[in-house]
Amino acid sequence: MLRSLILSAAMLVAAPQLAAAQSKQPPCPTSRKIAWTDCDGSYTYDDWSTYVGGFKDDKRHGQGAMVYPDGQKYVGGFKFDRRDGPGVYTSPNGNRWAGEFRDDQPNGRGVLTDKDGKVLKAGVWKKGVFVEDAQNAAK
């Protein structure tokens, strides 16, 4: 079970890049005075974080990637500016969480690994809190 969970997490890493490459949305307008909706674009925020991906109603929406100046990264799904769906979050220290997100936090099955790829936790999260390990979740 743990092996299949790790394999699923690896697939989550590749899925957003593949989806972005196959996007059929037009590029966003060059002006930010026009609402960006149903388009793909790139935007650098005031704190120097950068987002590349889909937009809807001027919000990050669809597949995308967010990179922060402190080294945090997220690649995966967004829903109206919040992480939602399958994704991979990398912390500044190199730890990675690959799994499901809802309302901007880990929610569902996922795997937490350290910077060397060692599994720290694998199982189920609810509202950002680890609640059940993979072996118990499989029973």
C-alpha atoms as a PDB file:
ATOM      1  CA  MET A   1       0.000   0.000   0.000  1.00  0.00           C
ATOM      2  CA  LEU A   2       2.791   2.434   0.880  1.00  0.00           C
ATOM      3  CA  ARG A   3       4.482   1.702  -2.461  1.00  0.00           C
ATOM      4  CA  SER A   4       1.308   2.500  -4.410  1.00  0.00           C
ATOM      5  CA  LEU A   5       0.827   5.681  -2.381  1.00  0.00           C
ATOM      6  CA  ILE A   6       4.380   6.789  -3.213  1.00  0.00           C
ATOM      7  CA  LEU A   7       3.846   5.950  -6.894  1.00  0.00           C
ATOM      8  CA  SER A   8       0.619   7.979  -6.857  1.00  0.00           C
ATOM      9  CA  ALA A   9       2.499  10.897  -5.321  1.00  0.00           C
ATOM     10  CA  ALA A  10       5.130  10.688  -8.057  1.00  0.00           C
ATOM     11  CA  MET A  11       2.384  10.858 -10.669  1.00  0.00           C
ATOM     12  CA  LEU A  12       1.055  13.993  -8.985  1.00  0.00           C
ATOM     13  CA  VAL A  13       4.411  15.653  -9.581  1.00  0.00           C
ATOM     14  CA  ALA A  14       4.227  15.104 -13.343  1.00  0.00           C
ATOM     15  CA  ALA A  15       0.483  15.704 -13.837  1.00  0.00           C
ATOM     16  CA  PRO A  16       0.424  19.521 -13.478  1.00  0.00           C
ATOM     17  CA  GLN A  17       3.252  20.034 -15.988  1.00  0.00           C
ATOM     18  CA  LEU A  18       1.524  17.745 -18.460  1.00  0.00           C
ATOM     19  CA  ALA A  19      -1.808  19.533 -17.981  1.00  0.00           C
ATOM     20  CA  ALA A  20      -0.179  22.947 -18.437  1.00  0.00           C
ATOM     21  CA  ALA A  21       1.536  21.785 -21.607  1.00  0.00           C
ATOM     22  CA  GLN A  22      -1.803  20.603 -22.990  1.00  0.00           C
ATOM     23  CA  SER A  23      -3.791  23.679 -21.932  1.00  0.00           C
ATOM     24  CA  LYS A  24      -6.208  24.905 -24.540  1.00  0.00           C
ATOM     25  CA  GLN A  25      -6.774  28.278 -22.892  1.00  0.00           C
ATOM     26  CA  PRO A  26      -5.614  31.387 -24.729  1.00  0.00           C
ATOM     27  CA  PRO A  27      -2.862  33.547 -23.271  1.00  0.00           C
ATOM     28  CA  CYS A  28      -3.988  36.225 -20.821  1.00  0.00           C
ATOM     29  CA  PRO A  29      -4.119  39.841 -22.036  1.00  0.00           C
ATOM     30  CA  THR A  30      -0.929  41.882 -21.691  1.00  0.00           C
ATOM     31  CA  SER A  31      -2.748  44.505 -19.619  1.00  0.00           C
ATOM     32  CA  ARG A  32      -3.762  43.914 -15.993  1.00  0.00           C
ATOM     33  CA  LYS A  33      -6.444  46.593 -16.417  1.00  0.00           C
ATOM     34  CA  ILE A  34      -8.494  43.899 -18.144  1.00  0.00           C
ATOM     35  CA  ALA A  35      -9.796  41.012 -15.994  1.00  0.00           C
ATOM     36  CA  TRP A  36      -7.859  37.831 -16.666  1.00  0.00           C
ATOM     37  CA  THR A  37     -10.375  35.054 -17.078  1.00  0.00           C
ATOM     38  CA  ASP A  38     -10.246  31.669 -18.800  1.00  0.00           C
ATOM     39  CA  CYS A  39      -6.649  32.266 -19.855  1.00  0.00           C
ATOM     40  CA  ASP A  40      -3.075  31.198 -19.060  1.00  0.00           C
ATOM     41  CA  GLY A  41      -0.577  33.755 -17.884  1.00  0.00           C
ATOM     42  CA  SER A  42       2.259  34.705 -15.584  1.00  0.00           C
ATOM     43  CA  TYR A  43       2.153  37.262 -12.793  1.00  0.00           C
ATOM     44  CA  THR A  44       4.672  38.510 -10.228  1.00  0.00           C
ATOM     45  CA  TYR A  45       3.093  39.794  -7.020  1.00  0.00           C
ATOM     46  CA  ASP A  46       4.292  42.688  -4.829  1.00  0.00           C
ATOM     47  CA  ASP A  47       6.120  40.247  -2.504  1.00  0.00           C
ATOM     48  CA  TRP A  48       8.039  38.920  -5.576  1.00  0.00           C
ATOM     49  CA  SER A  49       6.224  35.583  -5.573  1.00  0.00           C
ATOM     50  CA  THR A  50       5.461  34.414  -9.099  1.00  0.00           C
ATOM     51  CA  TYR A  51       2.541  32.421 -10.467  1.00  0.00           C
ATOM     52  CA  VAL A  52       2.369  30.778 -13.874  1.00  0.00           C
ATOM     53  CA  GLY A  53      -0.835  29.041 -14.928  1.00  0.00           C
ATOM     54  CA  GLY A  54      -4.550  29.420 -15.387  1.00  0.00           C
ATOM     55  CA  PHE A  55      -6.646  32.409 -14.359  1.00  0.00           C
ATOM     56  CA  LYS A  56     -10.392  32.906 -13.933  1.00  0.00           C
ATOM     57  CA  ASP A  57     -11.988  36.163 -12.791  1.00  0.00           C
ATOM     58  CA  ASP A  58      -8.507  37.579 -12.034  1.00  0.00           C
ATOM     59  CA  LYS A  59      -7.746  34.686  -9.655  1.00  0.00           C
ATOM     60  CA  ARG A  60      -5.366  31.727  -9.932  1.00  0.00           C
ATOM     61  CA  HIS A  61      -7.587  28.936 -11.204  1.00  0.00           C
ATOM     62  CA  GLY A  62      -6.791  25.615 -12.878  1.00  0.00           C
ATOM     63  CA  GLN A  63      -3.300  24.152 -13.138  1.00  0.00           C
ATOM     64  CA  GLY A  64      -0.398  26.335 -12.130  1.00  0.00           C
ATOM     65  CA  ALA A  65       2.869  26.819 -10.299  1.00  0.00           C
ATOM     66  CA  MET A  66       3.652  29.291  -7.532  1.00  0.00           C
ATOM     67  CA  VAL A  67       7.197  30.144  -6.434  1.00  0.00           C
ATOM     68  CA  TYR A  68       7.872  32.299  -3.363  1.00  0.00           C
ATOM     69  CA  PRO A  69      11.020  34.324  -2.621  1.00  0.00           C
ATOM     70  CA  ASP A  70      11.771  32.237   0.510  1.00  0.00           C
ATOM     71  CA  GLY A  71      12.008  29.035  -1.553  1.00  0.00           C
ATOM     72  CA  GLN A  72       8.484  27.652  -1.115  1.00  0.00           C
ATOM     73  CA  LYS A  73       6.991  26.116  -4.269  1.00  0.00           C
ATOM     74  CA  TYR A  74       3.637  24.699  -5.186  1.00  0.00           C
ATOM     75  CA  VAL A  75       2.711  22.968  -8.430  1.00  0.00           C
ATOM     76  CA  GLY A  76      -0.825  21.713  -8.904  1.00  0.00           C
ATOM     77  CA  GLY A  77      -4.444  22.729  -8.907  1.00  0.00           C
ATOM     78  CA  PHE A  78      -5.876  26.082  -7.886  1.00  0.00           C
ATOM     79  CA  LYS A  79      -9.477  27.080  -7.359  1.00  0.00           C
ATOM     80  CA  PHE A  80     -10.155  30.811  -7.067  1.00  0.00           C
ATOM     81  CA  ASP A  81      -6.718  31.653  -5.600  1.00  0.00           C
ATOM     82  CA  ARG A  82      -6.534  28.652  -3.253  1.00  0.00           C
ATOM     83  CA  ARG A  83      -4.625  25.386  -3.665  1.00  0.00           C
ATOM     84  CA  ASP A  84      -7.203  22.763  -4.564  1.00  0.00           C
ATOM     85  CA  GLY A  85      -6.885  19.290  -6.076  1.00  0.00           C
ATOM     86  CA  PRO A  86      -3.730  17.258  -6.631  1.00  0.00           C
ATOM     87  CA  GLY A  87      -0.484  19.097  -6.057  1.00  0.00           C
ATOM     88  CA  VAL A  88       3.037  19.134  -4.679  1.00  0.00           C
ATOM     89  CA  TYR A  89       4.198  21.648  -2.076  1.00  0.00           C
ATOM     90  CA  THR A  90       7.911  22.066  -1.336  1.00  0.00           C
ATOM     91  CA  SER A  91       8.940  23.933   1.829  1.00  0.00           C
ATOM     92  CA  PRO A  92      12.035  26.137   2.087  1.00  0.00           C
ATOM     93  CA  ASN A  93      13.900  23.307   3.900  1.00  0.00           C
ATOM     94  CA  GLY A  94      13.233  20.902   1.006  1.00  0.00           C
ATOM     95  CA  ASN A  95      10.475  18.795   2.588  1.00  0.00           C
ATOM     96  CA  ARG A  96       7.765  17.909   0.049  1.00  0.00           C
ATOM     97  CA  TRP A  97       4.113  17.111   0.462  1.00  0.00           C
ATOM     98  CA  ALA A  98       2.468  15.433  -2.522  1.00  0.00           C
ATOM     99  CA  GLY A  99      -1.236  14.756  -2.421  1.00  0.00           C
ATOM    100  CA  GLU A 100      -4.657  16.349  -2.364  1.00  0.00           C
ATOM    101  CA  PHE A 101      -5.353  19.940  -1.323  1.00  0.00           C
ATOM    102  CA  ARG A 102      -8.613  21.644  -0.410  1.00  0.00           C
ATOM    103  CA  ASP A 103      -9.070  25.217   0.802  1.00  0.00           C
ATOM    104  CA  ASP A 104      -5.324  25.886   0.514  1.00  0.00           C
ATOM    105  CA  GLN A 105      -4.221  23.037   2.828  1.00  0.00           C
ATOM    106  CA  PRO A 106      -3.428  19.318   2.619  1.00  0.00           C
ATOM    107  CA  ASN A 107      -6.686  17.392   2.692  1.00  0.00           C
ATOM    108  CA  GLY A 108      -6.954  13.762   1.609  1.00  0.00           C
ATOM    109  CA  ARG A 109      -4.294  11.173   0.813  1.00  0.00           C
ATOM    110  CA  GLY A 110      -0.699  12.268   0.546  1.00  0.00           C
ATOM    111  CA  VAL A 111       2.955  11.655   1.293  1.00  0.00           C
ATOM    112  CA  LEU A 112       5.351  13.888   3.216  1.00  0.00           C
ATOM    113  CA  THR A 113       9.038  13.339   2.393  1.00  0.00           C
ATOM    114  CA  ASP A 114      12.228  15.034   3.514  1.00  0.00           C
ATOM    115  CA  LYS A 115      14.664  16.717   1.114  1.00  0.00           C
ATOM    116  CA  ASP A 116      16.386  13.358   0.511  1.00  0.00           C
ATOM    117  CA  GLY A 117      13.121  11.599  -0.391  1.00  0.00           C
ATOM    118  CA  LYS A 118      12.732   9.683   2.887  1.00  0.00           C
ATOM    119  CA  VAL A 119       9.043   9.182   3.704  1.00  0.00           C
ATOM    120  CA  LEU A 120       8.175  11.015   6.918  1.00  0.00           C
ATOM    121  CA  LYS A 121       4.414  10.411   6.821  1.00  0.00           C
ATOM    122  CA  ALA A 122       2.090   8.739   4.349  1.00  0.00           C
ATOM    123  CA  GLY A 123      -1.645   8.580   4.750  1.00  0.00           C
ATOM    124  CA  VAL A 124      -4.607  10.878   5.183  1.00  0.00           C
ATOM    125  CA  TRP A 125      -4.726  14.554   6.143  1.00  0.00           C
ATOM    126  CA  LYS A 126      -7.794  16.604   7.102  1.00  0.00           C
ATOM    127  CA  LYS A 127      -7.637  20.393   7.062  1.00  0.00           C
ATOM    128  CA  GLY A 128      -3.836  20.310   7.093  1.00  0.00           C
ATOM    129  CA  VAL A 129      -3.520  17.814   9.972  1.00  0.00           C
ATOM    130  CA  PHE A 130      -2.192  14.253   9.610  1.00  0.00           C
ATOM    131  CA  VAL A 131      -4.981  11.956  10.867  1.00  0.00           C
ATOM    132  CA  GLU A 132      -4.280   8.430   9.628  1.00  0.00           C
ATOM    133  CA  ASP A 133      -1.240   6.553   8.360  1.00  0.00           C
ATOM    134  CA  ALA A 134      -1.323   4.713   5.034  1.00  0.00           C
ATOM    135  CA  GLN A 135      -1.374   1.226   6.545  1.00  0.00           C
ATOM    136  CA  ASN A 136      -4.427   1.973   8.720  1.00  0.00           C
ATOM    137  CA  ALA A 137      -6.173   3.824   5.875  1.00  0.00           C
ATOM    138  CA  ALA A 138      -5.846   0.705   3.671  1.00  0.00           C
ATOM    139  CA  LYS A 139      -7.736  -1.517   6.126  1.00  0.00           C
END
